[in-house]
Amino acid sequence: MGFEVIDAIGDIEVIAAGPGIRIASLLLKRYGKARWRKLKGVARVRLSDGTVRYAELHWFQAHGIGKKKPRIKRFLD
């Protein structure tokens, strides 16, 4: 399921950092050494079928690398 974030992501929280990230070794291998954190937030998204919904998003982020592996965890509307 592809999606596009329409609004800015709000209510951002860190939900894991350091050894709490299960796929830390994958992130290290694929994107490089950095201080990785798993974050969550909410935003309006446009799904691949054109539907616009309010969703909770999870992604991984590191300083200088940016947001990686964004995914929709659940819809809030």
C-alpha atoms as a PDB file:
ATOM      1  CA  MET A   1       0.000   0.000   0.000  1.00  0.00           C
ATOM      2  CA  GLY A   2       1.679   3.202  -1.179  1.00  0.00           C
ATOM      3  CA  PHE A   3       0.942   6.543   0.402  1.00  0.00           C
ATOM      4  CA  GLU A   4       1.927  10.215   0.341  1.00  0.00           C
ATOM      5  CA  VAL A   5       2.006  12.477   3.398  1.00  0.00           C
ATOM      6  CA  ILE A   6      -0.159  15.549   2.706  1.00  0.00           C
ATOM      7  CA  ASP A   7       0.269  17.636   5.892  1.00  0.00           C
ATOM      8  CA  ALA A   8       3.185  18.108   8.226  1.00  0.00           C
ATOM      9  CA  ILE A   9       3.563  15.251  10.709  1.00  0.00           C
ATOM     10  CA  GLY A  10       2.419  16.283  14.186  1.00  0.00           C
ATOM     11  CA  ASP A  11       2.508  14.861  17.726  1.00  0.00           C
ATOM     12  CA  ILE A  12       5.930  13.321  17.095  1.00  0.00           C
ATOM     13  CA  GLU A  13       7.259  11.016  19.831  1.00  0.00           C
ATOM     14  CA  VAL A  14      10.383   8.890  20.126  1.00  0.00           C
ATOM     15  CA  ILE A  15       9.295   5.313  20.822  1.00  0.00           C
ATOM     16  CA  ALA A  16      12.684   3.551  20.680  1.00  0.00           C
ATOM     17  CA  ALA A  17      16.373   4.432  20.540  1.00  0.00           C
ATOM     18  CA  GLY A  18      19.694   2.617  20.608  1.00  0.00           C
ATOM     19  CA  PRO A  19      19.380  -1.065  21.553  1.00  0.00           C
ATOM     20  CA  GLY A  20      15.572  -0.776  21.651  1.00  0.00           C
ATOM     21  CA  ILE A  21      15.444  -0.738  17.852  1.00  0.00           C
ATOM     22  CA  ARG A  22      15.062  -4.301  16.609  1.00  0.00           C
ATOM     23  CA  ILE A  23      16.334  -3.649  13.088  1.00  0.00           C
ATOM     24  CA  ALA A  24      19.312  -1.495  14.115  1.00  0.00           C
ATOM     25  CA  SER A  25      21.769  -3.789  12.323  1.00  0.00           C
ATOM     26  CA  LEU A  26      19.783  -3.502   9.073  1.00  0.00           C
ATOM     27  CA  LEU A  27      19.699   0.307   9.332  1.00  0.00           C
ATOM     28  CA  LEU A  28      23.433   0.381  10.041  1.00  0.00           C
ATOM     29  CA  LYS A  29      24.213  -1.831   7.048  1.00  0.00           C
ATOM     30  CA  ARG A  30      21.836  -0.109   4.619  1.00  0.00           C
ATOM     31  CA  TYR A  31      22.179   3.591   5.550  1.00  0.00           C
ATOM     32  CA  GLY A  32      25.336   3.877   7.677  1.00  0.00           C
ATOM     33  CA  LYS A  33      26.375   4.432  11.254  1.00  0.00           C
ATOM     34  CA  ALA A  34      24.269   7.004  13.067  1.00  0.00           C
ATOM     35  CA  ARG A  35      22.183   7.528  16.169  1.00  0.00           C
ATOM     36  CA  TRP A  36      18.992   5.838  14.988  1.00  0.00           C
ATOM     37  CA  ARG A  37      15.625   6.444  16.627  1.00  0.00           C
ATOM     38  CA  LYS A  38      12.163   5.059  15.921  1.00  0.00           C
ATOM     39  CA  LEU A  39       9.503   7.759  15.919  1.00  0.00           C
ATOM     40  CA  LYS A  40       5.752   7.999  15.571  1.00  0.00           C
ATOM     41  CA  GLY A  41       3.438  10.823  14.622  1.00  0.00           C
ATOM     42  CA  VAL A  42       0.103  11.593  13.020  1.00  0.00           C
ATOM     43  CA  ALA A  43      -0.681  13.153   9.644  1.00  0.00           C
ATOM     44  CA  ARG A  44      -3.151  13.164   6.790  1.00  0.00           C
ATOM     45  CA  VAL A  45      -2.073  10.795   4.025  1.00  0.00           C
ATOM     46  CA  ARG A  46      -3.232  10.149   0.473  1.00  0.00           C
ATOM     47  CA  LEU A  47      -3.400   6.437  -0.291  1.00  0.00           C
ATOM     48  CA  SER A  48      -2.605   4.930  -3.687  1.00  0.00           C
ATOM     49  CA  ASP A  49      -6.328   4.751  -4.534  1.00  0.00           C
ATOM     50  CA  GLY A  50      -6.714   8.530  -3.941  1.00  0.00           C
ATOM     51  CA  THR A  51      -8.421   8.272  -0.542  1.00  0.00           C
ATOM     52  CA  VAL A  52      -7.327  10.821   2.067  1.00  0.00           C
ATOM     53  CA  ARG A  53      -7.204   9.550   5.666  1.00  0.00           C
ATOM     54  CA  TYR A  54      -5.765  10.552   9.040  1.00  0.00           C
ATOM     55  CA  ALA A  55      -3.141   7.994  10.119  1.00  0.00           C
ATOM     56  CA  GLU A  56      -0.517   7.161  12.708  1.00  0.00           C
ATOM     57  CA  LEU A  57       2.880   6.811  11.035  1.00  0.00           C
ATOM     58  CA  HIS A  58       6.033   5.061  12.281  1.00  0.00           C
ATOM     59  CA  TRP A  59       9.506   5.613  10.797  1.00  0.00           C
ATOM     60  CA  PHE A  60      13.224   5.506  11.578  1.00  0.00           C
ATOM     61  CA  GLN A  61      15.309   8.671  11.597  1.00  0.00           C
ATOM     62  CA  ALA A  62      18.920   9.698  12.157  1.00  0.00           C
ATOM     63  CA  HIS A  63      20.565  13.101  12.090  1.00  0.00           C
ATOM     64  CA  GLY A  64      22.009  13.841   8.657  1.00  0.00           C
ATOM     65  CA  ILE A  65      20.283  10.826   7.069  1.00  0.00           C
ATOM     66  CA  GLY A  66      16.586  11.656   7.400  1.00  0.00           C
ATOM     67  CA  LYS A  67      13.379   9.621   7.575  1.00  0.00           C
ATOM     68  CA  LYS A  68      13.596   6.021   6.399  1.00  0.00           C
ATOM     69  CA  LYS A  69      11.094   3.163   6.115  1.00  0.00           C
ATOM     70  CA  PRO A  70       7.882   5.133   6.827  1.00  0.00           C
ATOM     71  CA  ARG A  71       4.773   3.021   7.320  1.00  0.00           C
ATOM     72  CA  ILE A  72       1.167   3.432   8.365  1.00  0.00           C
ATOM     73  CA  LYS A  73       0.444   1.682  11.648  1.00  0.00           C
ATOM     74  CA  ARG A  74      -3.248   2.476  11.924  1.00  0.00           C
ATOM     75  CA  PHE A  75      -5.923   4.824  10.667  1.00  0.00           C
ATOM     76  CA  LEU A  76      -7.380   7.283  13.164  1.00  0.00           C
ATOM     77  CA  ASP A  77     -10.576   8.319  11.376  1.00  0.00           C
END
